[in-house]
Protein backbone atom coordinates (compact mmCIF):
# COMPACT_ATOMS: atom_id res chain seq x y z
CA UNK A 1 97.44 -87.60 -150.05
CA UNK A 2 99.74 -86.21 -147.40
CA UNK A 3 101.29 -88.36 -144.72
CA UNK A 4 102.37 -86.58 -141.59
CA UNK A 5 105.68 -88.41 -141.50
CA UNK A 6 106.46 -87.08 -144.97
CA UNK A 7 106.19 -83.38 -144.09
CA UNK A 8 109.33 -83.20 -141.85
CA UNK A 9 111.62 -85.59 -143.80
CA UNK A 10 114.44 -83.85 -145.78
CA UNK A 11 113.81 -85.46 -149.15
CA UNK A 12 114.17 -84.98 -152.88
CA UNK A 13 110.72 -85.09 -154.31
CA UNK A 14 110.47 -86.68 -157.68
CA UNK A 15 108.17 -86.64 -160.66
CA UNK A 16 108.51 -88.26 -163.96
CA UNK A 17 110.94 -85.62 -165.18
CA UNK A 18 113.38 -85.77 -162.28
CA UNK A 19 113.31 -89.47 -162.49
CA UNK A 20 114.71 -89.24 -166.11
CA UNK A 21 117.50 -86.83 -164.85
CA UNK A 22 118.75 -89.12 -162.02
CA UNK A 23 119.00 -92.28 -164.27
CA UNK A 24 122.54 -91.03 -165.01
CA UNK A 25 123.59 -91.42 -161.71
CA UNK A 26 121.96 -94.54 -160.22
CA UNK A 27 124.96 -95.44 -158.05
CA UNK A 28 124.73 -92.15 -156.05
CA UNK A 29 121.16 -92.63 -155.11
CA UNK A 30 119.81 -93.36 -151.67
CA UNK A 31 118.46 -96.90 -151.06
CA UNK A 32 114.83 -95.72 -151.04
CA UNK A 33 115.51 -94.00 -154.20
CA UNK A 34 116.75 -97.14 -155.93
CA UNK A 35 113.69 -99.07 -154.59
CA UNK A 36 111.45 -96.42 -155.83
CA UNK A 37 112.95 -96.48 -159.28
CA UNK A 38 112.60 -100.14 -159.30
CA UNK A 39 108.99 -99.93 -158.64
CA UNK A 40 108.61 -97.23 -161.40
CA UNK A 41 110.52 -99.36 -164.09
CA UNK A 42 108.44 -102.32 -163.03
CA UNK A 43 105.12 -100.54 -163.87
CA UNK A 44 103.85 -100.71 -160.23
CA UNK A 45 100.93 -98.34 -160.04
CA UNK A 46 99.49 -99.33 -156.55
CA UNK A 47 101.32 -99.85 -153.35
CA UNK A 48 99.78 -100.81 -150.06
CA UNK A 49 101.86 -100.13 -146.99
CA UNK A 50 102.32 -100.42 -143.25
CA UNK A 51 104.81 -98.04 -141.89
CA UNK A 52 108.33 -99.01 -140.81
CA UNK A 53 111.16 -96.61 -140.01
CA UNK A 54 113.29 -97.99 -142.79
CA UNK A 55 110.51 -97.45 -145.39
CA UNK A 56 109.58 -93.94 -144.37
CA UNK A 57 111.48 -92.12 -147.24
CA UNK A 58 110.19 -94.56 -149.87
CA UNK A 59 106.61 -94.14 -148.61
CA UNK A 60 106.93 -90.52 -148.87
CA UNK A 61 108.08 -90.99 -152.49
CA UNK A 62 105.31 -92.99 -153.33
CA UNK A 63 102.92 -90.59 -151.73
CA UNK A 64 104.30 -87.74 -153.76
CA UNK A 65 103.99 -89.66 -156.96
CA UNK A 66 100.62 -88.99 -158.96
CA UNK A 67 101.28 -92.02 -161.11
CA UNK A 68 101.23 -94.57 -158.11
CA UNK A 69 98.21 -94.98 -155.72
CA UNK A 70 99.67 -95.37 -152.29
CA UNK A 71 97.27 -96.85 -149.78
CA UNK A 72 98.44 -96.78 -146.29
CA UNK A 73 96.92 -99.76 -144.45
CA UNK A 74 96.52 -100.94 -140.73
CA UNK A 75 97.65 -104.37 -141.02
CA UNK A 76 99.63 -106.27 -143.46
CA UNK A 77 96.98 -108.98 -144.33
CA UNK A 78 94.76 -106.05 -145.15
CA UNK A 79 97.28 -104.90 -147.77
CA UNK A 80 97.47 -108.37 -149.16
CA UNK A 81 93.84 -108.21 -149.82
CA UNK A 82 93.98 -104.71 -151.25
CA UNK A 83 96.65 -105.62 -153.67
CA UNK A 84 94.89 -108.99 -154.76
CA UNK A 85 91.96 -106.75 -155.55
CA UNK A 86 93.94 -104.24 -157.30
CA UNK A 87 95.43 -107.00 -159.63
CA UNK A 88 92.18 -108.58 -160.40
CA UNK A 89 91.06 -104.88 -161.37
CA UNK A 90 94.01 -104.58 -163.89
CA UNK A 91 96.60 -102.94 -161.81
CA UNK A 92 100.26 -103.86 -160.93
CA UNK A 93 100.34 -103.95 -157.06
CA UNK A 94 103.24 -104.22 -154.51
CA UNK A 95 103.11 -104.13 -150.69
CA UNK A 96 105.62 -102.24 -148.56
CA UNK A 97 105.95 -103.73 -145.08
CA UNK A 98 108.23 -104.82 -142.27
CA UNK A 99 109.07 -108.51 -141.98
CA UNK A 100 107.27 -108.74 -138.54
CA UNK A 101 104.11 -108.21 -140.88
CA UNK A 102 104.80 -111.23 -142.86
CA UNK A 103 103.91 -113.54 -139.83
CA UNK A 104 100.58 -111.61 -139.93
CA UNK A 105 100.23 -112.27 -143.68
CA UNK A 106 100.73 -116.07 -143.82
CA UNK A 107 96.95 -117.01 -144.04
CA UNK A 108 96.24 -114.24 -146.56
CA UNK A 109 99.13 -115.06 -148.73
CA UNK A 110 98.54 -118.68 -148.69
CA UNK A 111 94.76 -118.83 -149.08
CA UNK A 112 94.48 -115.92 -151.58
CA UNK A 113 97.30 -115.08 -153.48
CA UNK A 114 98.99 -118.48 -153.66
CA UNK A 115 95.76 -120.53 -153.99
CA UNK A 116 94.33 -118.35 -156.79
CA UNK A 117 97.70 -117.53 -158.57
CA UNK A 118 97.76 -113.78 -157.82
CA UNK A 119 101.15 -112.25 -158.45
CA UNK A 120 102.53 -109.72 -155.79
CA UNK A 121 105.42 -107.85 -155.14
CA UNK A 122 106.48 -107.68 -151.45
CA UNK A 123 109.02 -105.02 -150.60
CA UNK A 124 110.05 -105.95 -147.03
CA UNK A 125 112.20 -104.14 -144.62
CA UNK A 126 113.94 -107.01 -142.96
CA UNK A 127 114.53 -106.08 -139.33
CA UNK A 128 116.27 -108.41 -136.74
CA UNK A 129 119.37 -108.78 -138.77
CA UNK A 130 122.89 -108.34 -137.92
CA UNK A 131 123.35 -104.75 -136.44
CA UNK A 132 119.74 -104.65 -135.15
CA UNK A 133 119.40 -102.75 -132.03
CA UNK A 134 115.94 -103.58 -130.85
CA UNK A 135 115.97 -107.12 -129.30
CA UNK A 136 112.21 -107.57 -130.08
CA UNK A 137 113.10 -107.63 -133.77
CA UNK A 138 115.57 -110.45 -133.54
CA UNK A 139 113.09 -113.40 -133.52
CA UNK A 140 111.30 -112.60 -136.61
CA UNK A 141 114.59 -111.45 -138.29
CA UNK A 142 115.78 -115.10 -137.77
CA UNK A 143 112.45 -116.70 -139.17
CA UNK A 144 111.84 -114.43 -142.25
CA UNK A 145 113.84 -116.34 -144.71
CA UNK A 146 112.96 -119.87 -143.46
CA UNK A 147 109.38 -118.71 -143.62
CA UNK A 148 109.59 -117.61 -147.07
CA UNK A 149 111.25 -120.80 -148.13
CA UNK A 150 108.64 -122.85 -146.41
CA UNK A 151 105.96 -121.02 -148.17
CA UNK A 152 107.59 -121.51 -151.58
CA UNK A 153 107.92 -117.59 -151.91
CA UNK A 154 111.21 -116.61 -153.86
CA UNK A 155 113.03 -113.79 -152.63
CA UNK A 156 115.88 -111.44 -153.54
CA UNK A 157 118.35 -109.92 -151.09
CA UNK A 158 119.94 -106.67 -152.95
CA UNK A 159 122.56 -104.43 -151.96
CA UNK A 160 121.42 -100.69 -152.45
CA UNK A 161 122.93 -100.32 -156.05
CA UNK A 162 121.32 -103.55 -157.08
CA UNK A 163 117.83 -102.79 -155.70
CA UNK A 164 116.30 -101.12 -158.79
CA UNK A 165 116.99 -104.18 -160.93
CA UNK A 166 115.96 -106.67 -158.12
CA UNK A 167 112.57 -104.95 -157.78
CA UNK A 168 112.00 -104.91 -161.33
CA UNK A 169 113.01 -108.63 -161.67
CA UNK A 170 111.05 -109.52 -158.63
CA UNK A 171 107.89 -108.25 -160.15
CA UNK A 172 108.73 -109.94 -163.56
CA UNK A 173 109.00 -113.20 -161.75
CA UNK A 174 105.89 -112.79 -159.80
CA UNK A 175 104.00 -111.98 -163.12
CA UNK A 176 105.64 -115.16 -164.85
CA UNK A 177 105.02 -117.58 -162.03
CA UNK A 178 101.70 -115.94 -161.02
CA UNK A 179 102.67 -115.88 -157.29
CA UNK A 180 104.12 -113.55 -154.69
CA UNK A 181 107.88 -112.62 -154.65
CA UNK A 182 109.65 -110.80 -152.00
CA UNK A 183 112.68 -108.16 -151.95
CA UNK A 184 114.25 -108.29 -148.51
CA UNK A 185 116.02 -105.03 -147.45
CA UNK A 186 117.92 -105.76 -144.43
CA UNK A 187 119.64 -103.18 -141.97
CA UNK A 188 122.93 -102.95 -144.13
CA UNK A 189 120.83 -102.06 -147.04
CA UNK A 190 119.55 -99.05 -145.30
CA UNK A 191 123.02 -98.13 -144.06
CA UNK A 192 122.01 -98.44 -140.38
C-alpha cells in the first residue's frame, strides 16, 4: 500500500535486516524510528491509524513494512473496532492517532475494549502540550491525561530514547491486564 504523504518524505526505509543493523545505535534514531522499533519488538502485526503531522514518518515506516498490516481509517473509533476485530482474530493490534481522536473514541473504548477485556496499544501524538503553536489543540491537550485517568487507562510518557521500551512495555501491560494502554508522545518528544 502506498500513501501519498510517504512519497515525498525523506525517510530511511526499513526491513527486517536493516532493523537488525540499527539496533547498535538506538540512541541515534529519530523518534519515529524508536516507536517503530518498539512496535516491532512488541510483535505488533496490525496498526490502524488516523494521520497526524507528528505521526507521518511512523506511518510511512509502517506502510513499508511487509510484516505489519497498516490500515488507515477515517475516524479513531473505527480504528478501535478494527483493532478489536484483529485481536479476536489472533493478531496483535495497535492504533496510531492524535489525542484529539481520544475524545472521539471514548464510547468505543468503554463499550468494546474495556467491557470485553480486549487489549489495545494506543500510540498517541499528544498535541496541545507546552510549545504547541495551534491554539485549537490546547483544550484537548489539557484534557488528555485526566481523561485517560478517569477511564482507568494506564499511559506512558517516554522521552525519545525511552520510546522503544515504553511501546513494548505498554503492549505487555495491555496483554497482562486485558485492556487498552496508551503511549503519549508530546511535542517535545517529536523535537518540535
